[in-house]
Amino acid sequence: AGDSSAGSRLVDRFPGVPVRLAGQVIEKWDPAAMP
């Protein structure tokens, strides 16, 4: 989760992230919406 980075994928912010995490989307920080 983040603020200004919400909506982007982890790989967009961290190009070297492991492949299994690359497509994970950064969500808008909201404690009520956490899994």
PDB file of all heavy atoms in Angstrom:
ATOM      1  N   ALA A   1       0.830  -1.203   0.000  1.00  0.00           N
ATOM      2  CA  ALA A   1       0.000   0.000   0.000  1.00  0.00           C
ATOM      3  C   ALA A   1       0.857   1.243   0.000  1.00  0.00           C
ATOM      4  O   ALA A   1       1.987   1.254   0.504  1.00  0.00           O
ATOM      5  CB  ALA A   1      -0.941   0.006   1.204  1.00  0.00           C
ATOM      6  N   GLY A   2       0.317   2.302  -0.563  1.00  0.00           N
ATOM      7  CA  GLY A   2       1.004   3.583  -0.601  1.00  0.00           C
ATOM      8  C   GLY A   2       0.014   4.689  -0.860  1.00  0.00           C
ATOM      9  O   GLY A   2      -1.202   4.496  -0.832  1.00  0.00           O
ATOM     10  N   ASP A   3       0.537   5.854  -1.148  1.00  0.00           N
ATOM     11  CA  ASP A   3      -0.304   7.013  -1.425  1.00  0.00           C
ATOM     12  C   ASP A   3      -0.108   7.418  -2.878  1.00  0.00           C
ATOM     13  O   ASP A   3      -0.869   7.032  -3.758  1.00  0.00           O
ATOM     14  CB  ASP A   3       0.050   8.147  -0.469  1.00  0.00           C
ATOM     15  CG  ASP A   3      -0.910   9.313  -0.572  1.00  0.00           C
ATOM     16  OD1 ASP A   3      -1.942   9.181  -1.277  1.00  0.00           O
ATOM     17  OD2 ASP A   3      -0.653  10.367   0.051  1.00  0.00           O
ATOM     18  N   SER A   4       0.948   8.146  -3.155  1.00  0.00           N
ATOM     19  CA  SER A   4       1.177   8.596  -4.532  1.00  0.00           C
ATOM     20  C   SER A   4       1.483   7.450  -5.480  1.00  0.00           C
ATOM     21  O   SER A   4       1.293   7.566  -6.691  1.00  0.00           O
ATOM     22  CB  SER A   4       2.333   9.614  -4.561  1.00  0.00           C
ATOM     23  OG  SER A   4       3.523   9.015  -4.085  1.00  0.00           O
ATOM     24  N   SER A   5       1.956   6.316  -4.937  1.00  0.00           N
ATOM     25  CA  SER A   5       2.299   5.177  -5.800  1.00  0.00           C
ATOM     26  C   SER A   5       1.120   4.243  -6.046  1.00  0.00           C
ATOM     27  O   SER A   5       1.250   3.272  -6.801  1.00  0.00           O
ATOM     28  CB  SER A   5       3.443   4.381  -5.169  1.00  0.00           C
ATOM     29  OG  SER A   5       3.067   3.879  -3.895  1.00  0.00           O
ATOM     30  N   ALA A   6      -0.026   4.498  -5.433  1.00  0.00           N
ATOM     31  CA  ALA A   6      -1.180   3.608  -5.565  1.00  0.00           C
ATOM     32  C   ALA A   6      -1.589   3.468  -7.029  1.00  0.00           C
ATOM     33  O   ALA A   6      -1.627   4.439  -7.784  1.00  0.00           O
ATOM     34  CB  ALA A   6      -2.347   4.137  -4.734  1.00  0.00           C
ATOM     35  N   GLY A   7      -1.886   2.239  -7.423  1.00  0.00           N
ATOM     36  CA  GLY A   7      -2.284   1.955  -8.796  1.00  0.00           C
ATOM     37  C   GLY A   7      -1.161   1.433  -9.660  1.00  0.00           C
ATOM     38  O   GLY A   7      -1.419   0.824 -10.707  1.00  0.00           O
ATOM     39  N   SER A   8       0.072   1.673  -9.264  1.00  0.00           N
ATOM     40  CA  SER A   8       1.201   1.158 -10.033  1.00  0.00           C
ATOM     41  C   SER A   8       1.564  -0.242  -9.549  1.00  0.00           C
ATOM     42  O   SER A   8       1.205  -0.660  -8.453  1.00  0.00           O
ATOM     43  CB  SER A   8       2.406   2.091  -9.909  1.00  0.00           C
ATOM     44  OG  SER A   8       2.789   2.249  -8.551  1.00  0.00           O
ATOM     45  N   ARG A   9       2.272  -0.985 -10.387  1.00  0.00           N
ATOM     46  CA  ARG A   9       2.733  -2.312 -10.010  1.00  0.00           C
ATOM     47  C   ARG A   9       4.074  -2.213  -9.272  1.00  0.00           C
ATOM     48  O   ARG A   9       4.816  -1.239  -9.428  1.00  0.00           O
ATOM     49  CB  ARG A   9       2.897  -3.180 -11.252  1.00  0.00           C
ATOM     50  CG  ARG A   9       1.636  -3.375 -12.081  1.00  0.00           C
ATOM     51  CD  ARG A   9       1.981  -4.081 -13.384  1.00  0.00           C
ATOM     52  NE  ARG A   9       2.993  -3.334 -14.140  1.00  0.00           N
ATOM     53  CZ  ARG A   9       3.720  -3.834 -15.133  1.00  0.00           C
ATOM     54  NH1 ARG A   9       3.573  -5.110 -15.471  1.00  0.00           N
ATOM     55  NH2 ARG A   9       4.589  -3.087 -15.780  1.00  0.00           N
ATOM     56  N   LEU A  10       4.361  -3.225  -8.498  1.00  0.00           N
ATOM     57  CA  LEU A  10       5.639  -3.222  -7.795  1.00  0.00           C
ATOM     58  C   LEU A  10       6.803  -3.120  -8.773  1.00  0.00           C
ATOM     59  O   LEU A  10       7.791  -2.430  -8.506  1.00  0.00           O
ATOM     60  CB  LEU A  10       5.784  -4.484  -6.933  1.00  0.00           C
ATOM     61  CG  LEU A  10       4.956  -4.535  -5.649  1.00  0.00           C
ATOM     62  CD1 LEU A  10       5.193  -5.860  -4.918  1.00  0.00           C
ATOM     63  CD2 LEU A  10       5.293  -3.364  -4.730  1.00  0.00           C
ATOM     64  N   VAL A  11       6.708  -3.777  -9.911  1.00  0.00           N
ATOM     65  CA  VAL A  11       7.808  -3.745 -10.866  1.00  0.00           C
ATOM     66  C   VAL A  11       8.009  -2.345 -11.441  1.00  0.00           C
ATOM     67  O   VAL A  11       9.120  -1.996 -11.877  1.00  0.00           O
ATOM     68  CB  VAL A  11       7.586  -4.776 -11.994  1.00  0.00           C
ATOM     69  CG1 VAL A  11       6.466  -4.344 -12.944  1.00  0.00           C
ATOM     70  CG2 VAL A  11       8.877  -5.043 -12.757  1.00  0.00           C
ATOM     71  N   ASP A  12       6.954  -1.524 -11.441  1.00  0.00           N
ATOM     72  CA  ASP A  12       7.102  -0.152 -11.936  1.00  0.00           C
ATOM     73  C   ASP A  12       7.942   0.685 -10.976  1.00  0.00           C
ATOM     74  O   ASP A  12       8.663   1.590 -11.402  1.00  0.00           O
ATOM     75  CB  ASP A  12       5.722   0.496 -12.096  1.00  0.00           C
ATOM     76  CG  ASP A  12       4.869  -0.210 -13.137  1.00  0.00           C
ATOM     77  OD1 ASP A  12       5.433  -0.739 -14.105  1.00  0.00           O
ATOM     78  OD2 ASP A  12       3.633  -0.238 -12.961  1.00  0.00           O
ATOM     79  N   ARG A  13       7.840   0.400  -9.698  1.00  0.00           N
ATOM     80  CA  ARG A  13       8.596   1.143  -8.680  1.00  0.00           C
ATOM     81  C   ARG A  13       9.938   0.496  -8.385  1.00  0.00           C
ATOM     82  O   ARG A  13      10.897   1.169  -8.029  1.00  0.00           O
ATOM     83  CB  ARG A  13       7.774   1.233  -7.386  1.00  0.00           C
ATOM     84  CG  ARG A  13       6.383   1.833  -7.543  1.00  0.00           C
ATOM     85  CD  ARG A  13       6.434   3.302  -7.885  1.00  0.00           C
ATOM     86  NE  ARG A  13       6.979   4.103  -6.801  1.00  0.00           N
ATOM     87  CZ  ARG A  13       6.935   5.431  -6.754  1.00  0.00           C
ATOM     88  NH1 ARG A  13       6.387   6.099  -7.750  1.00  0.00           N
ATOM     89  NH2 ARG A  13       7.442   6.093  -5.742  1.00  0.00           N
ATOM     90  N   PHE A  14       9.984  -0.836  -8.491  1.00  0.00           N
ATOM     91  CA  PHE A  14      11.192  -1.603  -8.162  1.00  0.00           C
ATOM     92  C   PHE A  14      11.454  -2.594  -9.302  1.00  0.00           C
ATOM     93  O   PHE A  14      11.029  -3.742  -9.243  1.00  0.00           O
ATOM     94  CB  PHE A  14      11.008  -2.354  -6.835  1.00  0.00           C
ATOM     95  CG  PHE A  14      10.635  -1.474  -5.675  1.00  0.00           C
ATOM     96  CD1 PHE A  14       9.308  -1.366  -5.274  1.00  0.00           C
ATOM     97  CD2 PHE A  14      11.597  -0.746  -4.992  1.00  0.00           C
ATOM     98  CE1 PHE A  14       8.954  -0.551  -4.207  1.00  0.00           C
ATOM     99  CE2 PHE A  14      11.255   0.067  -3.927  1.00  0.00           C
ATOM    100  CZ  PHE A  14       9.925   0.175  -3.537  1.00  0.00           C
ATOM    101  N   PRO A  15      12.126  -2.164 -10.359  1.00  0.00           N
ATOM    102  CA  PRO A  15      12.308  -3.020 -11.539  1.00  0.00           C
ATOM    103  C   PRO A  15      12.981  -4.360 -11.247  1.00  0.00           C
ATOM    104  O   PRO A  15      12.798  -5.320 -12.009  1.00  0.00           O
ATOM    105  CB  PRO A  15      13.167  -2.148 -12.465  1.00  0.00           C
ATOM    106  CG  PRO A  15      12.839  -0.746 -12.059  1.00  0.00           C
ATOM    107  CD  PRO A  15      12.647  -0.793 -10.579  1.00  0.00           C
ATOM    108  N   GLY A  16      13.748  -4.443 -10.158  1.00  0.00           N
ATOM    109  CA  GLY A  16      14.443  -5.692  -9.850  1.00  0.00           C
ATOM    110  C   GLY A  16      13.686  -6.623  -8.934  1.00  0.00           C
ATOM    111  O   GLY A  16      14.244  -7.634  -8.484  1.00  0.00           O
ATOM    112  N   VAL A  17      12.426  -6.337  -8.656  1.00  0.00           N
ATOM    113  CA  VAL A  17      11.653  -7.162  -7.737  1.00  0.00           C
ATOM    114  C   VAL A  17      11.505  -8.575  -8.306  1.00  0.00           C
ATOM    115  O   VAL A  17      11.462  -8.762  -9.535  1.00  0.00           O
ATOM    116  CB  VAL A  17      10.261  -6.517  -7.490  1.00  0.00           C
ATOM    117  CG1 VAL A  17       9.370  -6.654  -8.724  1.00  0.00           C
ATOM    118  CG2 VAL A  17       9.587  -7.106  -6.266  1.00  0.00           C
ATOM    119  N   PRO A  18      11.467  -9.622  -7.450  1.00  0.00           N
ATOM    120  CA  PRO A  18      11.288 -10.986  -7.963  1.00  0.00           C
ATOM    121  C   PRO A  18      10.052 -11.106  -8.849  1.00  0.00           C
ATOM    122  O   PRO A  18       9.037 -10.438  -8.625  1.00  0.00           O
ATOM    123  CB  PRO A  18      11.138 -11.821  -6.680  1.00  0.00           C
ATOM    124  CG  PRO A  18      11.901 -11.059  -5.642  1.00  0.00           C
ATOM    125  CD  PRO A  18      11.668  -9.613  -5.983  1.00  0.00           C
ATOM    126  N   VAL A  19      10.128 -11.982  -9.836  1.00  0.00           N
ATOM    127  CA  VAL A  19       9.062 -12.121 -10.828  1.00  0.00           C
ATOM    128  C   VAL A  19       7.722 -12.415 -10.175  1.00  0.00           C
ATOM    129  O   VAL A  19       6.677 -11.909 -10.607  1.00  0.00           O
ATOM    130  CB  VAL A  19       9.431 -13.227 -11.841  1.00  0.00           C
ATOM    131  CG1 VAL A  19       8.266 -13.520 -12.774  1.00  0.00           C
ATOM    132  CG2 VAL A  19      10.665 -12.821 -12.641  1.00  0.00           C
ATOM    133  N   ARG A  20       7.714 -13.223  -9.121  1.00  0.00           N
ATOM    134  CA  ARG A  20       6.445 -13.605  -8.495  1.00  0.00           C
ATOM    135  C   ARG A  20       5.713 -12.419  -7.870  1.00  0.00           C
ATOM    136  O   ARG A  20       4.506 -12.471  -7.617  1.00  0.00           O
ATOM    137  CB  ARG A  20       6.676 -14.682  -7.439  1.00  0.00           C
ATOM    138  CG  ARG A  20       7.406 -14.199  -6.193  1.00  0.00           C
ATOM    139  CD  ARG A  20       7.619 -15.311  -5.179  1.00  0.00           C
ATOM    140  NE  ARG A  20       8.189 -14.835  -3.947  1.00  0.00           N
ATOM    141  CZ  ARG A  20       9.464 -14.561  -3.749  1.00  0.00           C
ATOM    142  NH1 ARG A  20      10.322 -14.731  -4.750  1.00  0.00           N
ATOM    143  NH2 ARG A  20       9.907 -14.117  -2.584  1.00  0.00           N
ATOM    144  N   LEU A  21       6.439 -11.324  -7.607  1.00  0.00           N
ATOM    145  CA  LEU A  21       5.830 -10.144  -7.010  1.00  0.00           C
ATOM    146  C   LEU A  21       5.657  -9.003  -8.008  1.00  0.00           C
ATOM    147  O   LEU A  21       5.021  -7.995  -7.681  1.00  0.00           O
ATOM    148  CB  LEU A  21       6.683  -9.646  -5.835  1.00  0.00           C
ATOM    149  CG  LEU A  21       6.835 -10.594  -4.643  1.00  0.00           C
ATOM    150  CD1 LEU A  21       7.832 -10.012  -3.635  1.00  0.00           C
ATOM    151  CD2 LEU A  21       5.501 -10.852  -3.962  1.00  0.00           C
ATOM    152  N   ALA A  22       6.223  -9.148  -9.195  1.00  0.00           N
ATOM    153  CA  ALA A  22       6.313  -8.035 -10.137  1.00  0.00           C
ATOM    154  C   ALA A  22       4.965  -7.413 -10.468  1.00  0.00           C
ATOM    155  O   ALA A  22       4.819  -6.189 -10.532  1.00  0.00           O
ATOM    156  CB  ALA A  22       7.011  -8.491 -11.419  1.00  0.00           C
ATOM    157  N   GLY A  23       3.945  -8.241 -10.672  1.00  0.00           N
ATOM    158  CA  GLY A  23       2.662  -7.718 -11.104  1.00  0.00           C
ATOM    159  C   GLY A  23       1.745  -7.271  -9.988  1.00  0.00           C
ATOM    160  O   GLY A  23       0.637  -6.773 -10.261  1.00  0.00           O
ATOM    161  N   GLN A  24       2.195  -7.416  -8.747  1.00  0.00           N
ATOM    162  CA  GLN A  24       1.346  -7.009  -7.613  1.00  0.00           C
ATOM    163  C   GLN A  24       1.108  -5.508  -7.656  1.00  0.00           C
ATOM    164  O   GLN A  24       2.038  -4.723  -7.823  1.00  0.00           O
ATOM    165  CB  GLN A  24       1.984  -7.422  -6.289  1.00  0.00           C
ATOM    166  CG  GLN A  24       1.080  -7.208  -5.087  1.00  0.00           C
ATOM    167  CD  GLN A  24       1.594  -7.962  -3.863  1.00  0.00           C
ATOM    168  OE1 GLN A  24       2.296  -8.960  -3.992  1.00  0.00           O
ATOM    169  NE2 GLN A  24       1.241  -7.487  -2.684  1.00  0.00           N
ATOM    170  N   VAL A  25      -0.142  -5.098  -7.503  1.00  0.00           N
ATOM    171  CA  VAL A  25      -0.514  -3.688  -7.597  1.00  0.00           C
ATOM    172  C   VAL A  25      -0.477  -3.034  -6.226  1.00  0.00           C
ATOM    173  O   VAL A  25      -0.961  -3.598  -5.235  1.00  0.00           O
ATOM    174  CB  VAL A  25      -1.921  -3.544  -8.218  1.00  0.00           C
ATOM    175  CG1 VAL A  25      -2.362  -2.080  -8.223  1.00  0.00           C
ATOM    176  CG2 VAL A  25      -1.924  -4.100  -9.640  1.00  0.00           C
ATOM    177  N   ILE A  26       0.115  -1.848  -6.164  1.00  0.00           N
ATOM    178  CA  ILE A  26       0.140  -1.078  -4.922  1.00  0.00           C
ATOM    179  C   ILE A  26      -1.239  -0.454  -4.719  1.00  0.00           C
ATOM    180  O   ILE A  26      -1.756   0.239  -5.591  1.00  0.00           O
ATOM    181  CB  ILE A  26       1.229   0.013  -4.980  1.00  0.00           C
ATOM    182  CG1 ILE A  26       2.607  -0.634  -5.200  1.00  0.00           C
ATOM    183  CG2 ILE A  26       1.221   0.846  -3.699  1.00  0.00           C
ATOM    184  CD1 ILE A  26       3.716   0.358  -5.438  1.00  0.00           C
ATOM    185  N   GLU A  27      -1.831  -0.713  -3.568  1.00  0.00           N
ATOM    186  CA  GLU A  27      -3.175  -0.240  -3.279  1.00  0.00           C
ATOM    187  C   GLU A  27      -3.141   1.064  -2.492  1.00  0.00           C
ATOM    188  O   GLU A  27      -2.151   1.385  -1.825  1.00  0.00           O
ATOM    189  CB  GLU A  27      -3.944  -1.306  -2.495  1.00  0.00           C
ATOM    190  CG  GLU A  27      -4.066  -2.635  -3.235  1.00  0.00           C
ATOM    191  CD  GLU A  27      -4.831  -3.666  -2.447  1.00  0.00           C
ATOM    192  OE1 GLU A  27      -5.781  -3.285  -1.727  1.00  0.00           O
ATOM    193  OE2 GLU A  27      -4.478  -4.858  -2.537  1.00  0.00           O
ATOM    194  N   LYS A  28      -4.219   1.802  -2.573  1.00  0.00           N
ATOM    195  CA  LYS A  28      -4.361   3.007  -1.760  1.00  0.00           C
ATOM    196  C   LYS A  28      -4.479   2.593  -0.299  1.00  0.00           C
ATOM    197  O   LYS A  28      -5.284   1.725   0.041  1.00  0.00           O
ATOM    198  CB  LYS A  28      -5.605   3.796  -2.182  1.00  0.00           C
ATOM    199  CG  LYS A  28      -5.734   5.166  -1.533  1.00  0.00           C
ATOM    200  CD  LYS A  28      -4.741   6.143  -2.110  1.00  0.00           C
ATOM    201  CE  LYS A  28      -4.978   7.566  -1.587  1.00  0.00           C
ATOM    202  NZ  LYS A  28      -3.970   8.520  -2.111  1.00  0.00           N
ATOM    203  N   TRP A  29      -3.691   3.199   0.562  1.00  0.00           N
ATOM    204  CA  TRP A  29      -3.660   2.811   1.979  1.00  0.00           C
ATOM    205  C   TRP A  29      -4.988   3.119   2.653  1.00  0.00           C
ATOM    206  O   TRP A  29      -5.413   4.263   2.735  1.00  0.00           O
ATOM    207  CB  TRP A  29      -2.511   3.514   2.676  1.00  0.00           C
ATOM    208  CG  TRP A  29      -2.510   3.538   4.183  1.00  0.00           C
ATOM    209  CD1 TRP A  29      -2.341   4.636   4.972  1.00  0.00           C
ATOM    210  CD2 TRP A  29      -2.622   2.425   5.081  1.00  0.00           C
ATOM    211  NE1 TRP A  29      -2.344   4.286   6.291  1.00  0.00           N
ATOM    212  CE2 TRP A  29      -2.526   2.922   6.384  1.00  0.00           C
ATOM    213  CE3 TRP A  29      -2.820   1.055   4.895  1.00  0.00           C
ATOM    214  CZ2 TRP A  29      -2.601   2.115   7.515  1.00  0.00           C
ATOM    215  CZ3 TRP A  29      -2.894   0.245   6.018  1.00  0.00           C
ATOM    216  CH2 TRP A  29      -2.785   0.762   7.305  1.00  0.00           C
ATOM    217  N   ASP A  30      -5.638   2.055   3.109  1.00  0.00           N
ATOM    218  CA  ASP A  30      -6.909   2.180   3.820  1.00  0.00           C
ATOM    219  C   ASP A  30      -7.007   1.007   4.781  1.00  0.00           C
ATOM    220  O   ASP A  30      -7.189  -0.142   4.358  1.00  0.00           O
ATOM    221  CB  ASP A  30      -8.073   2.154   2.834  1.00  0.00           C
ATOM    222  CG  ASP A  30      -9.432   2.288   3.533  1.00  0.00           C
ATOM    223  OD1 ASP A  30      -9.462   2.365   4.774  1.00  0.00           O
ATOM    224  OD2 ASP A  30     -10.451   2.298   2.825  1.00  0.00           O
ATOM    225  N   PRO A  31      -6.882   1.253   6.092  1.00  0.00           N
ATOM    226  CA  PRO A  31      -6.939   0.147   7.062  1.00  0.00           C
ATOM    227  C   PRO A  31      -8.204  -0.682   6.953  1.00  0.00           C
ATOM    228  O   PRO A  31      -8.180  -1.891   7.237  1.00  0.00           O
ATOM    229  CB  PRO A  31      -6.865   0.866   8.413  1.00  0.00           C
ATOM    230  CG  PRO A  31      -6.225   2.182   8.130  1.00  0.00           C
ATOM    231  CD  PRO A  31      -6.674   2.555   6.753  1.00  0.00           C
ATOM    232  N   ALA A  32      -9.306  -0.081   6.511  1.00  0.00           N
ATOM    233  CA  ALA A  32     -10.569  -0.815   6.418  1.00  0.00           C
ATOM    234  C   ALA A  32     -10.616  -1.746   5.211  1.00  0.00           C
ATOM    235  O   ALA A  32     -11.483  -2.625   5.142  1.00  0.00           O
ATOM    236  CB  ALA A  32     -11.734   0.170   6.359  1.00  0.00           C
ATOM    237  N   ALA A  33      -9.725  -1.547   4.265  1.00  0.00           N
ATOM    238  CA  ALA A  33      -9.765  -2.335   3.034  1.00  0.00           C
ATOM    239  C   ALA A  33      -8.641  -3.361   2.941  1.00  0.00           C
ATOM    240  O   ALA A  33      -8.446  -3.975   1.885  1.00  0.00           O
ATOM    241  CB  ALA A  33      -9.704  -1.395   1.826  1.00  0.00           C
ATOM    242  N   MET A  34      -7.900  -3.572   4.025  1.00  0.00           N
ATOM    243  CA  MET A  34      -6.796  -4.533   3.990  1.00  0.00           C
ATOM    244  C   MET A  34      -7.326  -5.960   3.893  1.00  0.00           C
ATOM    245  O   MET A  34      -8.372  -6.281   4.462  1.00  0.00           O
ATOM    246  CB  MET A  34      -5.954  -4.421   5.264  1.00  0.00           C
ATOM    247  CG  MET A  34      -5.138  -3.169   5.394  1.00  0.00           C
ATOM    248  SD  MET A  34      -3.929  -3.325   6.746  1.00  0.00           S
ATOM    249  CE  MET A  34      -4.904  -4.052   8.055  1.00  0.00           C
ATOM    250  N   PRO A  35      -6.587  -6.847   3.240  1.00  0.00           N
ATOM    251  CA  PRO A  35      -6.932  -8.267   3.299  1.00  0.00           C
ATOM    252  C   PRO A  35      -6.544  -8.840   4.657  1.00  0.00           C
ATOM    253  O   PRO A  35      -5.965  -8.136   5.495  1.00  0.00           O
ATOM    254  CB  PRO A  35      -6.077  -8.867   2.178  1.00  0.00           C
ATOM    255  CG  PRO A  35      -4.880  -7.972   2.130  1.00  0.00           C
ATOM    256  CD  PRO A  35      -5.389  -6.586   2.431  1.00  0.00           C
TER     257      PRO A  35
END
